[in-house]
C-alpha cells in the first residue's frame, strides 16, 4: 500500500483485531447469514486489514456489503452447488452467495483436487464480490501448494484508447510457500490501481497519480490531481506508451477464465454477477517440497537483499511488507480513520450490536 493511502497515525484509531472480527461477524449475522458463513466472511474481510490491504478491508467494503444485502443483491443463505465436474476441475453455481464465503469453499475444492490430481481448478459463477484475492490464494500455502485466485471486478476499466469500460478491475492473487522467509503473496488488480484506492484517496483528500484514471470521455489524466466524480479506471500501465496493453490484455484474460469459462459472458456482456477462478498446484506433484521451499527462500531473500537504487531505502517482494504490517497490527491493533469508526458506531447502534471497538 502506497504511503499516501495510509491513515495518518495522529488521527488513526487503533482497534483490537478480535474485537473488529467479532463486530463484523455480528453485522453479517444481522444480514441473515448463518453463524458459520458470517464467521468465514468476517475472517476474509479482516484479513485484508491485518495485512494492510485497506482497499479490501472493512473501511471500504463492509458498508457496500450491508447496502447490497438490504437491496437483495447478496443472498445470505445460498444453495451453492457443483454444476459441472471432470477430474481435477469443477464449476460452481454460487447462487448469489457472498464471495467471502464462496471463495474459500471453492478454493478448498481446488486444494482437495490438487491432492489427488496434482492440480485443481475451480470456476465459480453467479457470485458476488470476494474480497482480497490474496486470502483465497494463500489458503494453499498450509498445504504446500501454490495458490492462484482471480475474479471479475467492477466494470469500470477502459481498454487502451477506449472511451467506455469494457473490462473489470479484475484482480489476481498468487501465493507460493517458503520455509523460513515470509511467503510470496501477490495481490493486484489489472487496472492501474485497485478501484478502491480512488475511494481511499477521496476520503483522505489526496490526489491520484498520472495515468491512474480517465475522465468521462476516456482521456487519461496525466497529471497529479484529485480524481473527478465521473472517472473511469485505466488499465495497468495507464497508456499504451507505458504498457497499458499488457494490463488490459491481462484483464481480458481474467474475463475469459472467470466469466466465459464459467458460462456467464465477459465484460459488459456479463450475464450473472461476478465470476471467480481458483487454482491449486500441489508442489509435491512437481518436485520435492523441501527443495522448492529452500529455493523459494533463497530467491526471495536475494530479492530482499538486492542493493536499492539511489534514493531508495530497500527492495521488497510481494508479501514482505504485508507480513510486516501483520506483525505490527497484531501487536498494536488495526489503524482506522475516525470516519470509519463513526460509521461502525452508527451501524452498531442501528443493528443493536454491542459496541466493543474501543481504542487499543
Foldseek 3Di string as FASTA:
>chain_A
DDPLLDDPPVQWFFFALVQQLVLQLVLLVLLVADSVQSSLLSVQQSLCLLLVVVLQHCLPPVVVVSVCSVVVQADRDADKDWPDDDQQETEIERRRHELSRVLQVQLVSQLVSCVVVQKHKYKYFLYADNTFQQVSQCVQQVVQKKKKKKKFADQFEAAAVGFGGQFGQIKMWIWHYADPDFTFIDIATQWQGPPSSLVSCVVSVFWDAFLFWAANRRHTRGHTDRDDPRIGGYGHLNHVVRPSNVSNVVRVVSQCQWQVVNPQHGGPSGHHYMMMMMMIGNVVVPHDSNVRNVVSVVVQVCQQPPDDDPPDDTGHGHRVSSVVSSVVCNVQGRIDRVVSVVVSVVVCVVSVHDDDRHRD
